[in-house]
C-alpha atoms as a PDB file:
ATOM      1  CA  MET A   1     -13.389  -9.913 -14.336  1.00  0.00           C
ATOM      2  CA  ASP A   2     -11.350  -9.603 -17.508  1.00  0.00           C
ATOM      3  CA  GLY A   3      -7.647 -10.442 -17.770  1.00  0.00           C
ATOM      4  CA  ALA A   4      -6.347  -6.865 -17.671  1.00  0.00           C
ATOM      5  CA  ALA A   5      -8.345  -6.143 -14.514  1.00  0.00           C
ATOM      6  CA  LEU A   6      -7.192  -9.433 -12.950  1.00  0.00           C
ATOM      7  CA  HIS A   7      -3.541  -8.479 -13.419  1.00  0.00           C
ATOM      8  CA  GLU A   8      -4.101  -4.862 -12.350  1.00  0.00           C
ATOM      9  CA  VAL A   9      -5.888  -5.795  -9.116  1.00  0.00           C
ATOM     10  CA  ALA A  10      -3.349  -8.500  -8.210  1.00  0.00           C
ATOM     11  CA  ILE A  11      -0.364  -6.212  -8.823  1.00  0.00           C
ATOM     12  CA  ARG A  12      -1.901  -3.180  -7.083  1.00  0.00           C
ATOM     13  CA  THR A  13      -2.851  -5.262  -4.057  1.00  0.00           C
ATOM     14  CA  ALA A  14       0.549  -6.955  -3.821  1.00  0.00           C
ATOM     15  CA  LEU A  15       2.432  -3.656  -3.991  1.00  0.00           C
ATOM     16  CA  ALA A  16       0.314  -2.186  -1.181  1.00  0.00           C
ATOM     17  CA  LEU A  17       1.468  -4.873   1.273  1.00  0.00           C
ATOM     18  CA  PRO A  18       4.502  -4.418   3.574  1.00  0.00           C
ATOM     19  CA  ALA A  19       8.030  -5.416   2.514  1.00  0.00           C
ATOM     20  CA  VAL A  20       7.051  -6.382  -1.045  1.00  0.00           C
ATOM     21  CA  GLU A  21       9.414  -6.269  -3.992  1.00  0.00           C
ATOM     22  CA  GLU A  22       8.474  -6.650  -7.655  1.00  0.00           C
ATOM     23  CA  THR A  23      10.801  -8.726  -9.835  1.00  0.00           C
ATOM     24  CA  GLN A  24      10.872 -10.308 -13.290  1.00  0.00           C
ATOM     25  CA  PRO A  25      13.026 -13.434 -12.876  1.00  0.00           C
ATOM     26  CA  PHE A  26      11.234 -15.296 -15.695  1.00  0.00           C
ATOM     27  CA  GLY A  27      11.459 -12.506 -18.296  1.00  0.00           C
ATOM     28  CA  GLU A  28       9.545  -9.345 -19.035  1.00  0.00           C
ATOM     29  CA  ASP A  29       6.234 -11.169 -19.634  1.00  0.00           C
ATOM     30  CA  SER A  30       5.965 -12.319 -16.002  1.00  0.00           C
ATOM     31  CA  VAL A  31       5.899 -10.254 -12.814  1.00  0.00           C
ATOM     32  CA  VAL A  32       6.721 -11.869  -9.471  1.00  0.00           C
ATOM     33  CA  HIS A  33       5.962 -10.274  -6.127  1.00  0.00           C
ATOM     34  CA  LYS A  34       8.023 -11.372  -3.150  1.00  0.00           C
ATOM     35  CA  VAL A  35       7.928 -10.664   0.553  1.00  0.00           C
ATOM     36  CA  VAL A  36      11.340 -10.918   2.234  1.00  0.00           C
ATOM     37  CA  GLY A  37      12.617 -12.770  -0.838  1.00  0.00           C
ATOM     38  CA  ARG A  38       9.786 -15.352  -1.017  1.00  0.00           C
ATOM     39  CA  MET A  39       7.325 -15.389  -3.902  1.00  0.00           C
ATOM     40  CA  PHE A  40       3.622 -14.983  -3.160  1.00  0.00           C
ATOM     41  CA  VAL A  41       2.178 -13.744  -6.493  1.00  0.00           C
ATOM     42  CA  LEU A  42       3.051 -14.458 -10.127  1.00  0.00           C
ATOM     43  CA  THR A  43       1.249 -12.598 -12.908  1.00  0.00           C
ATOM     44  CA  THR A  44       1.844 -13.851 -16.436  1.00  0.00           C
ATOM     45  CA  THR A  45       0.103 -14.976 -19.604  1.00  0.00           C
ATOM     46  CA  LEU A  46      -0.544 -18.624 -20.469  1.00  0.00           C
ATOM     47  CA  ARG A  47      -1.481 -19.373 -24.089  1.00  0.00           C
ATOM     48  CA  GLY A  48      -2.606 -15.761 -24.509  1.00  0.00           C
ATOM     49  CA  VAL A  49      -4.704 -15.726 -21.319  1.00  0.00           C
ATOM     50  CA  PRO A  50      -3.666 -13.522 -18.368  1.00  0.00           C
ATOM     51  CA  ILE A  51      -3.293 -15.605 -15.191  1.00  0.00           C
ATOM     52  CA  VAL A  52      -2.288 -15.068 -11.579  1.00  0.00           C
ATOM     53  CA  ASN A  53      -0.638 -17.735  -9.389  1.00  0.00           C
ATOM     54  CA  LEU A  54      -1.120 -17.393  -5.625  1.00  0.00           C
ATOM     55  CA  LYS A  55      -0.132 -19.357  -2.545  1.00  0.00           C
ATOM     56  CA  CYS A  56      -3.206 -20.809  -0.835  1.00  0.00           C
ATOM     57  CA  ALA A  57      -3.865 -23.093   2.160  1.00  0.00           C
ATOM     58  CA  PRO A  58      -4.658 -26.607   0.845  1.00  0.00           C
ATOM     59  CA  PRO A  59      -8.270 -26.837   2.138  1.00  0.00           C
ATOM     60  CA  HIS A  60      -9.062 -23.362   0.801  1.00  0.00           C
ATOM     61  CA  ALA A  61      -7.364 -24.159  -2.526  1.00  0.00           C
ATOM     62  CA  ALA A  62      -9.368 -27.366  -2.916  1.00  0.00           C
ATOM     63  CA  ALA A  63     -12.645 -25.521  -2.231  1.00  0.00           C
ATOM     64  CA  LEU A  64     -11.814 -22.745  -4.699  1.00  0.00           C
ATOM     65  CA  VAL A  65     -10.876 -25.238  -7.426  1.00  0.00           C
ATOM     66  CA  ARG A  66     -14.060 -27.199  -6.767  1.00  0.00           C
ATOM     67  CA  ASP A  67     -16.380 -24.177  -6.736  1.00  0.00           C
ATOM     68  CA  LEU A  68     -14.974 -21.768  -9.331  1.00  0.00           C
ATOM     69  CA  ALA A  69     -14.217 -22.506 -12.980  1.00  0.00           C
ATOM     70  CA  GLU A  70     -11.717 -19.597 -12.955  1.00  0.00           C
ATOM     71  CA  VAL A  71      -9.553 -21.263 -10.297  1.00  0.00           C
ATOM     72  CA  THR A  72      -7.346 -24.256 -11.099  1.00  0.00           C
ATOM     73  CA  PRO A  73      -4.448 -25.950  -9.291  1.00  0.00           C
ATOM     74  CA  GLY A  74      -1.294 -23.819  -9.510  1.00  0.00           C
ATOM     75  CA  TRP A  75       0.300 -23.763 -12.955  1.00  0.00           C
ATOM     76  CA  HIS A  76       3.938 -24.920 -12.651  1.00  0.00           C
ATOM     77  CA  MET A  77       3.602 -24.839  -8.855  1.00  0.00           C
ATOM     78  CA  ASP A  78       2.833 -27.222  -5.996  1.00  0.00           C
ATOM     79  CA  LYS A  79      -0.774 -28.098  -6.864  1.00  0.00           C
ATOM     80  CA  ARG A  80      -1.834 -28.371  -3.201  1.00  0.00           C
ATOM     81  CA  HIS A  81      -0.409 -25.051  -2.039  1.00  0.00           C
ATOM     82  CA  TRP A  82      -0.895 -22.819  -5.088  1.00  0.00           C
ATOM     83  CA  VAL A  83      -3.855 -21.857  -7.267  1.00  0.00           C
ATOM     84  CA  THR A  84      -4.095 -20.198 -10.662  1.00  0.00           C
ATOM     85  CA  LEU A  85      -6.723 -17.531 -11.323  1.00  0.00           C
ATOM     86  CA  ALA A  86      -7.971 -16.928 -14.860  1.00  0.00           C
ATOM     87  CA  PRO A  87     -10.376 -14.261 -16.125  1.00  0.00           C
ATOM     88  CA  GLY A  88     -14.081 -14.969 -15.759  1.00  0.00           C
ATOM     89  CA  GLU A  89     -17.396 -14.099 -14.174  1.00  0.00           C
ATOM     90  CA  GLY A  90     -16.646 -15.972 -10.930  1.00  0.00           C
ATOM     91  CA  LEU A  91     -13.935 -13.536  -9.820  1.00  0.00           C
ATOM     92  CA  ASP A  92     -14.390  -9.999  -8.584  1.00  0.00           C
ATOM     93  CA  GLU A  93     -12.030  -7.336  -7.287  1.00  0.00           C
ATOM     94  CA  ALA A  94     -12.676  -8.034  -3.595  1.00  0.00           C
ATOM     95  CA  MET A  95     -12.009 -11.758  -4.015  1.00  0.00           C
ATOM     96  CA  VAL A  96      -8.726 -11.183  -5.850  1.00  0.00           C
ATOM     97  CA  GLU A  97      -7.633  -8.650  -3.207  1.00  0.00           C
ATOM     98  CA  ASP A  98      -8.441 -11.148  -0.444  1.00  0.00           C
ATOM     99  CA  LEU A  99      -6.600 -13.985  -2.184  1.00  0.00           C
ATOM    100  CA  VAL A 100      -3.482 -11.858  -2.730  1.00  0.00           C
ATOM    101  CA  ALA A 101      -3.485 -10.703   0.909  1.00  0.00           C
ATOM    102  CA  ASN A 102      -4.000 -14.278   2.079  1.00  0.00           C
ATOM    103  CA  SER A 103      -1.088 -15.451  -0.077  1.00  0.00           C
ATOM    104  CA  TRP A 104       1.144 -12.765   1.488  1.00  0.00           C
ATOM    105  CA  GLU A 105       0.043 -13.813   4.996  1.00  0.00           C
ATOM    106  CA  LEU A 106       0.797 -17.497   4.321  1.00  0.00           C
ATOM    107  CA  VAL A 107       4.309 -16.662   3.149  1.00  0.00           C
ATOM    108  CA  VAL A 108       4.945 -14.328   6.091  1.00  0.00           C
ATOM    109  CA  GLN A 109       3.719 -16.984   8.556  1.00  0.00           C
ATOM    110  CA  GLY A 110       6.356 -19.337   7.124  1.00  0.00           C
ATOM    111  CA  LEU A 111       9.192 -16.885   7.780  1.00  0.00           C
ATOM    112  CA  PRO A 112      11.244 -16.928  10.967  1.00  0.00           C
ATOM    113  CA  ARG A 113       9.706 -14.405  13.392  1.00  0.00           C
ATOM    114  CA  ALA A 114      12.731 -12.119  13.241  1.00  0.00           C
ATOM    115  CA  ARG A 115      12.365 -11.753   9.449  1.00  0.00           C
ATOM    116  CA  ARG A 116       8.602 -11.102   9.381  1.00  0.00           C
ATOM    117  CA  PRO A 117       7.663  -7.558   8.354  1.00  0.00           C
ATOM    118  CA  LEU A 118       4.440  -8.016  10.383  1.00  0.00           C
ATOM    119  CA  ASP A 119       3.088 -10.840  12.461  1.00  0.00           C
ATOM    120  CA  PRO A 120      -0.059 -11.845  10.503  1.00  0.00           C
ATOM    121  CA  ALA A 121      -1.705 -13.183  13.665  1.00  0.00           C
ATOM    122  CA  ARG A 122      -1.309  -9.877  15.519  1.00  0.00           C
ATOM    123  CA  ARG A 123      -0.999  -7.484  12.513  1.00  0.00           C
ATOM    124  CA  VAL A 124       1.998  -5.768  14.126  1.00  0.00           C
ATOM    125  CA  GLY A 125       5.744  -5.723  13.615  1.00  0.00           C
ATOM    126  CA  PRO A 126       8.006  -8.499  14.997  1.00  0.00           C
END
């Protein structure tokens, strides 16, 4: 997957999820997607390379970093709970969609029940 496709898939997938807002708190070169005010996706460029930062459960993050050259510990984030995706052959559209959705679910699970747009365990409203 090339960098333009990586950004396009991450942004499209994030915007399709419930209660998501798109912001640019770090300037016009970075796009942050939040659910109920909490960040779950950052798309930006690092040294000319398009990247995507996503929240990820620590065991899953460690496996992704170990198995895929395109996945590294989160750039400027908690290295256990975030990963950075870079363009490359190891990523495809379905994987990026799954990782974005998983990031959203992790953030929603951390919200108080009354603030959750959907309960990820039941896939229904609060």
